[in-house]
């Protein structure tokens, strides 16, 4: 069982959802509002200690945090691999995934995932200096990694590609000047069935807090 936030718009849920689908692991989903004052969070905290979405229930074992879930699935269900087989490339993929989670807070706040999955004609404020630096660094790193229409940073498609494409889509869908090879890379990943299923999943008609 995969517990997701109600709007089905979290990039971290998308990552876990894609890994489960790519590995062919049967699973069901349940919406669990992960906000204070909503009962589900108490259960999630009791079972996972932290209670942060997404949450995976595998038998009697409950696990939170997308990176931890990806690592767990990779060890329990190694084929097909979703992290690079080469030790150094695998370490690099982990580095990049952690970097996108911990260094891009300003960009996530100002260009939230909901703007990708809930298109809006409402004008956006210009990026703050912190968010602009994060966007510039994302484009710079993706370019140095050679992201392009092939949709595979490390030779074959993997979980890092889902993470990076989702991050780039924050920029592509909100008018940021993203180089064409990076746009093509994001479109390739977006069209992959495991990702497309998440993107097209039924969700509430309005984004949270609107």
N, C-alpha and C. Protein backbone atom coordinates (compact mmCIF):
# COMPACT_ATOMS: atom_id res chain seq x y z
N UNK A 1 0.85 -1.18 0.00
CA UNK A 1 0.00 0.00 0.00
C UNK A 1 0.88 1.24 0.00
N UNK A 2 0.56 2.18 -0.87
CA UNK A 2 1.27 3.45 -0.92
C UNK A 2 0.31 4.55 -0.48
N UNK A 3 0.66 5.23 0.59
CA UNK A 3 -0.16 6.33 1.09
C UNK A 3 0.36 7.63 0.48
N UNK A 4 -0.54 8.39 -0.11
CA UNK A 4 -0.16 9.61 -0.83
C UNK A 4 -0.94 10.79 -0.27
N UNK A 5 -0.45 11.99 -0.58
CA UNK A 5 -1.20 13.18 -0.18
C UNK A 5 -2.39 13.36 -1.12
N UNK A 6 -3.41 14.06 -0.68
CA UNK A 6 -4.70 14.06 -1.36
C UNK A 6 -4.65 14.61 -2.77
N UNK A 7 -3.74 15.54 -3.05
CA UNK A 7 -3.76 16.18 -4.37
C UNK A 7 -2.97 15.42 -5.43
N UNK A 8 -2.29 14.34 -5.04
CA UNK A 8 -1.50 13.57 -6.01
C UNK A 8 -0.58 14.52 -6.80
N UNK A 9 0.13 15.39 -6.12
CA UNK A 9 1.00 16.32 -6.83
C UNK A 9 2.42 16.34 -6.29
N UNK A 10 2.71 15.53 -5.30
CA UNK A 10 4.05 15.53 -4.71
C UNK A 10 5.07 14.86 -5.63
N UNK A 11 6.20 15.51 -5.90
CA UNK A 11 7.24 14.86 -6.71
C UNK A 11 7.78 13.61 -6.03
N UNK A 12 7.75 13.59 -4.70
CA UNK A 12 8.29 12.43 -3.98
C UNK A 12 7.36 11.24 -4.11
N UNK A 13 6.06 11.49 -4.15
CA UNK A 13 5.11 10.41 -4.43
C UNK A 13 5.30 9.91 -5.86
N UNK A 14 5.51 10.83 -6.79
CA UNK A 14 5.72 10.46 -8.19
C UNK A 14 6.92 9.53 -8.32
N UNK A 15 8.00 9.83 -7.62
CA UNK A 15 9.21 9.01 -7.68
C UNK A 15 8.92 7.58 -7.22
N UNK A 16 8.27 7.46 -6.05
CA UNK A 16 7.99 6.12 -5.52
C UNK A 16 6.99 5.39 -6.41
N UNK A 17 5.97 6.09 -6.86
CA UNK A 17 4.98 5.49 -7.76
C UNK A 17 5.65 4.94 -9.01
N UNK A 18 6.56 5.71 -9.60
CA UNK A 18 7.25 5.27 -10.82
C UNK A 18 8.12 4.04 -10.55
N UNK A 19 8.81 4.03 -9.42
CA UNK A 19 9.67 2.87 -9.10
C UNK A 19 8.82 1.62 -8.94
N UNK A 20 7.71 1.72 -8.24
CA UNK A 20 6.83 0.56 -8.08
C UNK A 20 6.34 0.04 -9.42
N UNK A 21 5.93 0.96 -10.30
CA UNK A 21 5.43 0.55 -11.61
C UNK A 21 6.55 -0.05 -12.47
N UNK A 22 7.72 0.59 -12.48
CA UNK A 22 8.82 0.10 -13.31
C UNK A 22 9.27 -1.29 -12.87
N UNK A 23 9.20 -1.56 -11.58
CA UNK A 23 9.60 -2.86 -11.06
C UNK A 23 8.47 -3.90 -11.15
N UNK A 24 7.30 -3.45 -11.56
CA UNK A 24 6.19 -4.39 -11.70
C UNK A 24 5.67 -4.93 -10.38
N UNK A 25 5.76 -4.12 -9.32
CA UNK A 25 5.30 -4.54 -8.00
C UNK A 25 3.83 -4.17 -7.84
N UNK A 26 2.96 -5.15 -7.65
CA UNK A 26 1.54 -4.80 -7.46
C UNK A 26 1.36 -3.97 -6.20
N UNK A 27 0.53 -2.93 -6.28
CA UNK A 27 0.28 -2.11 -5.10
C UNK A 27 -1.03 -1.38 -5.26
N UNK A 28 -1.57 -0.96 -4.15
CA UNK A 28 -2.75 -0.12 -4.14
C UNK A 28 -2.37 1.20 -3.47
N UNK A 29 -3.22 2.19 -3.62
CA UNK A 29 -2.94 3.49 -3.04
C UNK A 29 -4.10 3.92 -2.15
N UNK A 30 -3.77 4.78 -1.20
CA UNK A 30 -4.77 5.38 -0.34
C UNK A 30 -4.35 6.80 -0.06
N UNK A 31 -5.32 7.70 -0.07
CA UNK A 31 -5.02 9.09 0.23
C UNK A 31 -4.95 9.28 1.74
N UNK A 32 -3.90 9.91 2.18
CA UNK A 32 -3.73 10.19 3.61
C UNK A 32 -3.32 11.64 3.76
N UNK A 33 -4.21 12.47 4.26
CA UNK A 33 -3.88 13.87 4.46
C UNK A 33 -2.81 13.98 5.53
N UNK A 34 -1.65 14.52 5.14
CA UNK A 34 -0.50 14.54 6.03
C UNK A 34 -0.32 15.92 6.66
N UNK A 35 -1.41 16.47 7.20
CA UNK A 35 -1.34 17.77 7.83
C UNK A 35 -1.80 17.66 9.28
N UNK A 36 -1.28 18.54 10.12
CA UNK A 36 -1.70 18.56 11.51
C UNK A 36 -3.21 18.78 11.59
N UNK A 37 -3.82 18.09 12.54
CA UNK A 37 -5.25 18.23 12.71
C UNK A 37 -6.05 17.22 11.93
N UNK A 38 -5.35 16.40 11.12
CA UNK A 38 -6.03 15.35 10.35
C UNK A 38 -5.58 14.02 10.93
N UNK A 39 -6.54 13.15 11.23
CA UNK A 39 -6.25 11.93 11.98
C UNK A 39 -5.20 11.02 11.38
N UNK A 40 -5.11 10.98 10.05
CA UNK A 40 -4.20 10.04 9.42
C UNK A 40 -2.75 10.27 9.82
N UNK A 41 -2.39 11.51 10.09
CA UNK A 41 -0.99 11.78 10.41
C UNK A 41 -0.57 11.10 11.71
N UNK A 42 -1.49 10.96 12.65
CA UNK A 42 -1.17 10.29 13.90
C UNK A 42 -0.81 8.84 13.66
N UNK A 43 -1.59 8.17 12.80
CA UNK A 43 -1.29 6.78 12.46
C UNK A 43 0.05 6.67 11.74
N UNK A 44 0.30 7.58 10.79
CA UNK A 44 1.56 7.54 10.05
C UNK A 44 2.75 7.73 10.99
N UNK A 45 2.63 8.63 11.93
CA UNK A 45 3.72 8.86 12.87
C UNK A 45 3.94 7.65 13.77
N UNK A 46 2.85 7.03 14.18
CA UNK A 46 2.97 5.86 15.03
C UNK A 46 3.70 4.73 14.30
N UNK A 47 3.38 4.54 13.02
CA UNK A 47 3.94 3.41 12.29
C UNK A 47 5.33 3.70 11.71
N UNK A 48 5.62 4.97 11.38
CA UNK A 48 6.88 5.27 10.69
C UNK A 48 7.81 6.17 11.50
N UNK A 49 7.37 6.61 12.67
CA UNK A 49 8.14 7.51 13.55
C UNK A 49 8.09 8.97 13.09
N UNK A 50 8.18 9.22 11.78
CA UNK A 50 8.20 10.60 11.29
C UNK A 50 6.90 11.01 10.63
N UNK A 51 6.24 10.09 9.95
CA UNK A 51 4.93 10.37 9.37
C UNK A 51 4.95 11.25 8.14
N UNK A 52 6.07 11.33 7.44
CA UNK A 52 6.16 12.20 6.28
C UNK A 52 5.83 11.44 5.00
N UNK A 53 4.95 12.01 4.18
CA UNK A 53 4.52 11.37 2.94
C UNK A 53 5.64 11.41 1.91
N UNK A 54 5.69 10.40 1.02
CA UNK A 54 4.80 9.25 0.96
C UNK A 54 5.14 8.21 2.01
N UNK A 55 4.19 7.33 2.26
CA UNK A 55 4.39 6.23 3.21
C UNK A 55 4.10 4.93 2.49
N UNK A 56 5.01 3.97 2.64
CA UNK A 56 4.83 2.65 2.05
C UNK A 56 4.52 1.65 3.15
N UNK A 57 3.48 0.86 2.97
CA UNK A 57 3.19 -0.25 3.86
C UNK A 57 3.45 -1.54 3.10
N UNK A 58 4.42 -2.32 3.56
CA UNK A 58 4.77 -3.60 2.94
C UNK A 58 4.60 -4.68 4.00
N UNK A 59 3.45 -5.33 3.97
CA UNK A 59 3.13 -6.27 5.03
C UNK A 59 2.99 -5.53 6.35
N UNK A 60 3.76 -5.96 7.36
CA UNK A 60 3.71 -5.31 8.66
C UNK A 60 4.72 -4.17 8.77
N UNK A 61 5.48 -3.93 7.71
CA UNK A 61 6.53 -2.92 7.74
C UNK A 61 6.03 -1.62 7.11
N UNK A 62 6.21 -0.53 7.81
CA UNK A 62 5.82 0.79 7.32
C UNK A 62 7.07 1.65 7.19
N UNK A 63 7.15 2.41 6.11
CA UNK A 63 8.34 3.22 5.86
C UNK A 63 7.95 4.54 5.22
N UNK A 64 8.56 5.62 5.71
CA UNK A 64 8.32 6.96 5.15
C UNK A 64 9.58 7.48 4.50
N UNK A 65 9.44 8.60 3.79
CA UNK A 65 10.52 9.31 3.10
C UNK A 65 10.85 8.61 1.77
N UNK A 66 10.73 9.37 0.69
CA UNK A 66 10.88 8.79 -0.64
C UNK A 66 12.24 8.15 -0.88
N UNK A 67 13.32 8.78 -0.42
CA UNK A 67 14.64 8.21 -0.63
C UNK A 67 14.78 6.87 0.08
N UNK A 68 14.29 6.81 1.32
CA UNK A 68 14.35 5.56 2.06
C UNK A 68 13.51 4.47 1.38
N UNK A 69 12.35 4.85 0.88
CA UNK A 69 11.49 3.88 0.20
C UNK A 69 12.14 3.37 -1.07
N UNK A 70 12.74 4.27 -1.85
CA UNK A 70 13.43 3.85 -3.08
C UNK A 70 14.54 2.85 -2.76
N UNK A 71 15.35 3.15 -1.75
CA UNK A 71 16.44 2.25 -1.37
C UNK A 71 15.89 0.89 -0.92
N UNK A 72 14.82 0.92 -0.15
CA UNK A 72 14.21 -0.33 0.33
C UNK A 72 13.71 -1.17 -0.85
N UNK A 73 12.99 -0.55 -1.77
CA UNK A 73 12.47 -1.28 -2.92
C UNK A 73 13.61 -1.81 -3.79
N UNK A 74 14.69 -1.04 -3.90
CA UNK A 74 15.82 -1.47 -4.70
C UNK A 74 16.47 -2.72 -4.11
N UNK A 75 16.51 -2.82 -2.80
CA UNK A 75 17.11 -3.98 -2.16
C UNK A 75 16.16 -5.18 -2.12
N UNK A 76 14.89 -4.92 -1.90
CA UNK A 76 13.92 -6.01 -1.82
C UNK A 76 13.55 -6.56 -3.19
N UNK A 77 13.51 -5.68 -4.19
CA UNK A 77 13.11 -6.06 -5.55
C UNK A 77 14.15 -5.49 -6.53
N UNK A 78 15.30 -6.14 -6.66
CA UNK A 78 16.43 -5.54 -7.38
C UNK A 78 16.26 -5.41 -8.89
N UNK A 79 15.30 -6.12 -9.47
CA UNK A 79 15.16 -6.08 -10.93
C UNK A 79 13.80 -5.55 -11.35
N UNK A 80 13.80 -4.68 -12.36
CA UNK A 80 14.95 -4.02 -12.96
C UNK A 80 15.51 -2.96 -12.03
N UNK A 81 16.81 -2.72 -12.06
CA UNK A 81 17.39 -1.72 -11.17
C UNK A 81 16.93 -0.32 -11.52
N UNK A 82 16.69 0.47 -10.51
CA UNK A 82 16.29 1.86 -10.73
C UNK A 82 17.36 2.85 -10.28
N UNK A 83 18.45 2.32 -9.73
CA UNK A 83 19.64 3.11 -9.46
C UNK A 83 20.77 2.53 -10.30
N UNK A 84 21.74 3.33 -10.71
CA UNK A 84 22.83 2.82 -11.54
C UNK A 84 23.55 1.65 -10.87
N UNK A 85 24.01 0.70 -11.68
CA UNK A 85 24.73 -0.46 -11.14
C UNK A 85 26.15 -0.11 -10.74
N UNK A 86 26.77 0.80 -11.47
CA UNK A 86 28.11 1.22 -11.14
C UNK A 86 28.09 1.95 -9.79
N UNK A 87 29.03 1.60 -8.91
CA UNK A 87 29.03 2.15 -7.55
C UNK A 87 29.13 3.66 -7.56
N UNK A 88 30.01 4.21 -8.39
CA UNK A 88 30.20 5.66 -8.39
C UNK A 88 29.01 6.39 -9.03
N UNK A 89 28.47 5.81 -10.08
CA UNK A 89 27.28 6.43 -10.67
C UNK A 89 26.10 6.36 -9.71
N UNK A 90 25.99 5.25 -8.98
CA UNK A 90 24.90 5.13 -8.00
C UNK A 90 25.06 6.19 -6.91
N UNK A 91 26.30 6.38 -6.45
CA UNK A 91 26.55 7.42 -5.45
C UNK A 91 26.20 8.80 -5.99
N UNK A 92 26.52 9.05 -7.27
CA UNK A 92 26.20 10.34 -7.87
C UNK A 92 24.69 10.54 -7.97
N UNK A 93 23.98 9.50 -8.34
CA UNK A 93 22.52 9.60 -8.42
C UNK A 93 21.93 9.93 -7.06
N UNK A 94 22.44 9.28 -6.01
CA UNK A 94 21.96 9.56 -4.65
C UNK A 94 22.28 11.00 -4.26
N UNK A 95 23.48 11.45 -4.61
CA UNK A 95 23.87 12.83 -4.32
C UNK A 95 22.88 13.81 -4.94
N UNK A 96 22.56 13.60 -6.21
CA UNK A 96 21.67 14.51 -6.92
C UNK A 96 20.27 14.50 -6.34
N UNK A 97 19.78 13.32 -5.96
CA UNK A 97 18.44 13.23 -5.39
C UNK A 97 18.37 13.96 -4.05
N UNK A 98 19.40 13.79 -3.23
CA UNK A 98 19.42 14.49 -1.94
C UNK A 98 19.53 16.00 -2.16
N UNK A 99 20.34 16.41 -3.13
CA UNK A 99 20.53 17.83 -3.43
C UNK A 99 19.23 18.49 -3.83
N UNK A 100 18.46 17.83 -4.70
CA UNK A 100 17.20 18.42 -5.14
C UNK A 100 16.18 18.53 -4.01
N UNK A 101 16.28 17.65 -3.01
CA UNK A 101 15.36 17.71 -1.88
C UNK A 101 15.74 18.78 -0.86
N UNK A 102 17.03 19.00 -0.68
CA UNK A 102 17.47 19.83 0.44
C UNK A 102 17.98 21.22 0.05
N UNK A 103 18.27 21.44 -1.22
CA UNK A 103 18.86 22.71 -1.61
C UNK A 103 17.92 23.60 -2.43
N UNK A 104 16.72 23.12 -2.72
CA UNK A 104 15.83 23.87 -3.60
C UNK A 104 14.54 24.27 -2.91
N UNK A 105 14.60 24.53 -1.62
CA UNK A 105 13.38 24.87 -0.88
C UNK A 105 12.70 26.12 -1.44
N UNK A 106 13.51 27.14 -1.74
CA UNK A 106 12.92 28.40 -2.23
C UNK A 106 12.23 28.19 -3.57
N UNK A 107 12.84 27.40 -4.44
CA UNK A 107 12.24 27.13 -5.75
C UNK A 107 10.95 26.34 -5.60
N UNK A 108 10.92 25.38 -4.71
CA UNK A 108 9.70 24.60 -4.50
C UNK A 108 8.57 25.47 -3.94
N UNK A 109 8.92 26.41 -3.07
CA UNK A 109 7.88 27.29 -2.51
C UNK A 109 7.31 28.21 -3.59
N UNK A 110 8.17 28.74 -4.44
CA UNK A 110 7.72 29.75 -5.40
C UNK A 110 7.21 29.17 -6.71
N UNK A 111 7.62 27.93 -7.00
CA UNK A 111 7.11 27.22 -8.17
C UNK A 111 6.67 25.83 -7.73
N UNK A 112 5.57 25.78 -6.93
CA UNK A 112 5.13 24.50 -6.35
C UNK A 112 4.70 23.51 -7.42
N UNK A 113 4.76 22.24 -7.06
CA UNK A 113 4.39 21.18 -7.99
C UNK A 113 2.96 21.33 -8.49
N UNK A 114 2.11 21.93 -7.66
CA UNK A 114 0.72 22.10 -8.08
C UNK A 114 0.60 22.93 -9.34
N UNK A 115 1.57 23.83 -9.60
CA UNK A 115 1.50 24.64 -10.81
C UNK A 115 1.74 23.80 -12.06
N UNK A 116 2.36 22.63 -11.90
CA UNK A 116 2.54 21.72 -13.03
C UNK A 116 1.25 20.96 -13.31
N UNK A 117 0.65 20.46 -12.26
CA UNK A 117 -0.49 19.54 -12.41
C UNK A 117 -1.84 20.23 -12.32
N UNK A 118 -1.84 21.48 -11.89
CA UNK A 118 -3.05 22.30 -11.89
C UNK A 118 -2.74 23.57 -12.68
N UNK A 119 -2.74 23.49 -14.00
CA UNK A 119 -2.41 24.68 -14.82
C UNK A 119 -3.28 25.87 -14.45
N UNK A 120 -2.66 27.05 -14.45
CA UNK A 120 -3.36 28.26 -14.05
C UNK A 120 -2.94 29.41 -14.93
N UNK A 121 -3.87 30.34 -15.16
CA UNK A 121 -3.55 31.55 -15.92
C UNK A 121 -3.13 32.68 -15.00
N UNK A 122 -3.14 32.42 -13.70
CA UNK A 122 -2.76 33.45 -12.74
C UNK A 122 -1.28 33.78 -12.89
N UNK A 123 -0.95 35.06 -12.92
CA UNK A 123 0.43 35.48 -13.08
C UNK A 123 1.27 35.07 -11.89
N UNK A 124 2.51 34.72 -12.17
CA UNK A 124 3.45 34.34 -11.13
C UNK A 124 4.35 35.52 -10.77
N UNK A 125 4.69 35.63 -9.52
CA UNK A 125 5.67 36.64 -9.11
C UNK A 125 7.05 36.24 -9.63
N UNK A 126 7.89 37.20 -9.95
CA UNK A 126 9.28 36.86 -10.32
C UNK A 126 9.94 36.07 -9.20
N UNK A 127 10.87 35.22 -9.58
CA UNK A 127 11.59 34.43 -8.58
C UNK A 127 12.41 35.33 -7.67
N UNK A 128 12.45 34.96 -6.42
CA UNK A 128 13.34 35.64 -5.48
C UNK A 128 14.78 35.31 -5.85
N UNK A 129 15.72 35.99 -5.23
CA UNK A 129 17.13 35.72 -5.51
C UNK A 129 17.49 34.27 -5.18
N UNK A 130 16.99 33.77 -4.04
CA UNK A 130 17.30 32.38 -3.66
C UNK A 130 16.72 31.39 -4.66
N UNK A 131 15.47 31.62 -5.06
CA UNK A 131 14.83 30.70 -6.01
C UNK A 131 15.49 30.80 -7.38
N UNK A 132 15.90 32.00 -7.78
CA UNK A 132 16.58 32.17 -9.06
C UNK A 132 17.91 31.41 -9.07
N UNK A 133 18.64 31.50 -7.97
CA UNK A 133 19.91 30.77 -7.89
C UNK A 133 19.67 29.26 -7.97
N UNK A 134 18.60 28.79 -7.31
CA UNK A 134 18.29 27.36 -7.36
C UNK A 134 17.93 26.93 -8.78
N UNK A 135 17.13 27.75 -9.47
CA UNK A 135 16.74 27.42 -10.85
C UNK A 135 17.96 27.42 -11.76
N UNK A 136 18.82 28.42 -11.61
CA UNK A 136 20.02 28.49 -12.44
C UNK A 136 20.94 27.28 -12.18
N UNK A 137 21.07 26.90 -10.92
CA UNK A 137 21.93 25.76 -10.61
C UNK A 137 21.35 24.46 -11.14
N UNK A 138 20.02 24.35 -11.10
CA UNK A 138 19.37 23.15 -11.64
C UNK A 138 19.65 23.02 -13.13
N UNK A 139 19.49 24.12 -13.87
CA UNK A 139 19.76 24.10 -15.31
C UNK A 139 21.23 23.81 -15.58
N UNK A 140 22.10 24.42 -14.80
CA UNK A 140 23.54 24.21 -15.00
C UNK A 140 23.93 22.75 -14.77
N UNK A 141 23.45 22.18 -13.68
CA UNK A 141 23.79 20.79 -13.35
C UNK A 141 23.21 19.83 -14.38
N UNK A 142 21.94 20.02 -14.74
CA UNK A 142 21.31 19.14 -15.73
C UNK A 142 22.04 19.21 -17.07
N UNK A 143 22.50 20.39 -17.44
CA UNK A 143 23.24 20.55 -18.69
C UNK A 143 24.58 19.83 -18.62
N UNK A 144 25.29 19.99 -17.51
CA UNK A 144 26.58 19.31 -17.35
C UNK A 144 26.43 17.79 -17.36
N UNK A 145 25.31 17.30 -16.86
CA UNK A 145 25.06 15.86 -16.84
C UNK A 145 24.68 15.31 -18.21
N UNK A 146 24.41 16.20 -19.16
CA UNK A 146 24.08 15.77 -20.50
C UNK A 146 22.64 15.34 -20.68
N UNK A 147 21.74 15.89 -19.88
CA UNK A 147 20.33 15.53 -20.03
C UNK A 147 19.83 15.95 -21.40
N UNK A 148 19.19 15.01 -22.11
CA UNK A 148 18.67 15.30 -23.44
C UNK A 148 17.50 14.37 -23.74
N UNK A 149 17.06 14.33 -24.98
CA UNK A 149 15.85 13.60 -25.36
C UNK A 149 15.94 12.10 -25.12
N UNK A 150 17.14 11.56 -24.89
CA UNK A 150 17.26 10.13 -24.61
C UNK A 150 16.63 9.77 -23.27
N UNK A 151 16.57 10.71 -22.34
CA UNK A 151 15.88 10.47 -21.07
C UNK A 151 16.57 9.50 -20.15
N UNK A 152 17.89 9.52 -20.11
CA UNK A 152 18.62 8.58 -19.25
C UNK A 152 19.98 9.19 -18.91
N UNK A 153 20.12 9.72 -17.71
CA UNK A 153 21.37 10.37 -17.32
C UNK A 153 22.53 9.39 -17.25
N UNK A 154 22.24 8.17 -16.80
CA UNK A 154 23.32 7.20 -16.58
C UNK A 154 23.18 5.98 -17.50
N UNK A 155 22.80 6.23 -18.72
CA UNK A 155 22.77 5.15 -19.72
C UNK A 155 21.44 4.47 -19.87
N UNK A 156 20.77 4.18 -18.76
CA UNK A 156 19.43 3.59 -18.79
C UNK A 156 18.54 4.38 -17.84
N UNK A 157 17.25 4.37 -18.13
CA UNK A 157 16.29 5.10 -17.32
C UNK A 157 16.35 4.65 -15.87
N UNK A 158 16.28 5.61 -14.96
CA UNK A 158 16.28 5.29 -13.54
C UNK A 158 15.51 6.32 -12.74
N UNK A 159 15.50 6.12 -11.43
CA UNK A 159 14.72 6.98 -10.56
C UNK A 159 15.25 8.42 -10.57
N UNK A 160 16.55 8.61 -10.76
CA UNK A 160 17.08 9.96 -10.82
C UNK A 160 16.46 10.75 -11.97
N UNK A 161 16.12 10.06 -13.04
CA UNK A 161 15.51 10.74 -14.19
C UNK A 161 14.12 11.28 -13.84
N UNK A 162 13.37 10.52 -13.04
CA UNK A 162 12.06 11.00 -12.61
C UNK A 162 12.22 12.24 -11.74
N UNK A 163 13.15 12.18 -10.81
CA UNK A 163 13.40 13.30 -9.91
C UNK A 163 13.79 14.56 -10.69
N UNK A 164 14.76 14.42 -11.58
CA UNK A 164 15.27 15.58 -12.31
C UNK A 164 14.22 16.13 -13.26
N UNK A 165 13.50 15.26 -13.95
CA UNK A 165 12.48 15.74 -14.89
C UNK A 165 11.39 16.51 -14.16
N UNK A 166 10.98 16.04 -12.98
CA UNK A 166 9.95 16.74 -12.22
C UNK A 166 10.45 18.12 -11.82
N UNK A 167 11.71 18.19 -11.39
CA UNK A 167 12.28 19.48 -11.01
C UNK A 167 12.33 20.43 -12.20
N UNK A 168 12.73 19.92 -13.35
CA UNK A 168 12.79 20.76 -14.55
C UNK A 168 11.40 21.22 -14.99
N UNK A 169 10.41 20.36 -14.79
CA UNK A 169 9.06 20.73 -15.18
C UNK A 169 8.54 21.93 -14.39
N UNK A 170 9.05 22.13 -13.17
CA UNK A 170 8.68 23.34 -12.43
C UNK A 170 9.01 24.59 -13.23
N UNK A 171 10.12 24.52 -13.97
CA UNK A 171 10.59 25.66 -14.75
C UNK A 171 9.92 25.69 -16.12
N UNK A 172 9.86 24.53 -16.77
CA UNK A 172 9.32 24.47 -18.13
C UNK A 172 7.88 24.98 -18.17
N UNK A 173 7.07 24.57 -17.18
CA UNK A 173 5.65 24.90 -17.21
C UNK A 173 5.34 26.29 -16.66
N UNK A 174 6.36 26.99 -16.15
CA UNK A 174 6.11 28.33 -15.61
C UNK A 174 6.93 29.40 -16.32
N UNK A 175 7.36 29.09 -17.54
CA UNK A 175 7.94 30.11 -18.39
C UNK A 175 9.41 30.40 -18.20
N UNK A 176 10.13 29.57 -17.45
CA UNK A 176 11.55 29.79 -17.27
C UNK A 176 12.29 29.43 -18.56
N UNK A 177 13.37 30.12 -18.84
CA UNK A 177 14.14 29.88 -20.06
C UNK A 177 15.00 28.63 -19.89
N UNK A 178 14.44 27.49 -20.26
CA UNK A 178 15.12 26.20 -20.13
C UNK A 178 15.65 25.79 -21.51
N UNK A 179 16.93 25.45 -21.63
CA UNK A 179 17.48 25.03 -22.92
C UNK A 179 16.70 23.86 -23.52
N UNK A 180 16.62 23.83 -24.83
CA UNK A 180 15.81 22.82 -25.51
C UNK A 180 16.22 21.39 -25.17
N UNK A 181 17.51 21.03 -25.06
CA UNK A 181 17.83 19.65 -24.69
C UNK A 181 17.23 19.24 -23.35
N UNK A 182 17.18 20.18 -22.40
CA UNK A 182 16.59 19.86 -21.10
C UNK A 182 15.08 19.75 -21.20
N UNK A 183 14.47 20.59 -22.03
CA UNK A 183 13.02 20.46 -22.26
C UNK A 183 12.69 19.10 -22.88
N UNK A 184 13.52 18.69 -23.86
CA UNK A 184 13.29 17.40 -24.51
C UNK A 184 13.47 16.26 -23.52
N UNK A 185 14.45 16.38 -22.65
CA UNK A 185 14.67 15.37 -21.60
C UNK A 185 13.43 15.25 -20.71
N UNK A 186 12.94 16.38 -20.21
CA UNK A 186 11.78 16.37 -19.34
C UNK A 186 10.56 15.78 -20.05
N UNK A 187 10.37 16.14 -21.31
CA UNK A 187 9.22 15.61 -22.06
C UNK A 187 9.33 14.10 -22.23
N UNK A 188 10.54 13.59 -22.47
CA UNK A 188 10.73 12.15 -22.63
C UNK A 188 10.34 11.41 -21.36
N UNK A 189 10.79 11.91 -20.22
CA UNK A 189 10.44 11.27 -18.95
C UNK A 189 8.95 11.40 -18.67
N UNK A 190 8.39 12.57 -18.97
CA UNK A 190 6.97 12.83 -18.71
C UNK A 190 6.08 11.88 -19.51
N UNK A 191 6.58 11.43 -20.67
CA UNK A 191 5.79 10.55 -21.53
C UNK A 191 5.94 9.08 -21.15
N UNK A 192 6.85 8.75 -20.26
CA UNK A 192 7.04 7.35 -19.88
C UNK A 192 5.80 6.85 -19.14
N UNK A 193 5.30 5.65 -19.45
CA UNK A 193 4.03 5.19 -18.86
C UNK A 193 3.97 5.27 -17.34
N UNK A 194 5.05 4.91 -16.65
CA UNK A 194 5.02 4.91 -15.19
C UNK A 194 4.86 6.31 -14.63
N UNK A 195 5.41 7.30 -15.33
CA UNK A 195 5.27 8.69 -14.91
C UNK A 195 3.95 9.27 -15.39
N UNK A 196 3.59 8.92 -16.63
CA UNK A 196 2.34 9.43 -17.21
C UNK A 196 1.14 9.03 -16.37
N UNK A 197 1.17 7.82 -15.84
CA UNK A 197 0.06 7.36 -15.01
C UNK A 197 -0.12 8.27 -13.80
N UNK A 198 0.99 8.68 -13.20
CA UNK A 198 0.91 9.59 -12.06
C UNK A 198 0.39 10.96 -12.51
N UNK A 199 0.93 11.48 -13.59
CA UNK A 199 0.56 12.81 -14.07
C UNK A 199 -0.94 12.86 -14.39
N UNK A 200 -1.46 11.78 -14.97
CA UNK A 200 -2.85 11.77 -15.41
C UNK A 200 -3.81 11.20 -14.36
N UNK A 201 -3.30 10.88 -13.18
CA UNK A 201 -4.15 10.30 -12.14
C UNK A 201 -5.24 11.28 -11.74
N UNK A 202 -6.40 10.76 -11.44
CA UNK A 202 -7.51 11.60 -10.99
C UNK A 202 -7.12 12.30 -9.69
N UNK A 203 -7.38 13.58 -9.64
CA UNK A 203 -7.07 14.37 -8.43
C UNK A 203 -8.20 15.37 -8.20
N UNK A 204 -8.27 15.97 -7.02
CA UNK A 204 -9.32 16.95 -6.75
C UNK A 204 -9.31 18.08 -7.79
N UNK A 205 -10.45 18.69 -8.04
CA UNK A 205 -10.53 19.71 -9.09
C UNK A 205 -9.72 20.96 -8.79
N UNK A 206 -9.47 21.24 -7.53
CA UNK A 206 -8.72 22.44 -7.16
C UNK A 206 -7.46 22.05 -6.39
N UNK A 207 -6.41 22.80 -6.62
CA UNK A 207 -5.17 22.57 -5.89
C UNK A 207 -5.40 22.86 -4.40
N UNK A 208 -4.60 22.26 -3.52
CA UNK A 208 -4.75 22.53 -2.08
C UNK A 208 -4.65 24.03 -1.78
N UNK A 209 -5.44 24.44 -0.81
CA UNK A 209 -5.40 25.83 -0.32
C UNK A 209 -5.79 26.85 -1.38
N UNK A 210 -6.60 26.43 -2.40
CA UNK A 210 -7.09 27.39 -3.38
C UNK A 210 -8.58 27.53 -3.25
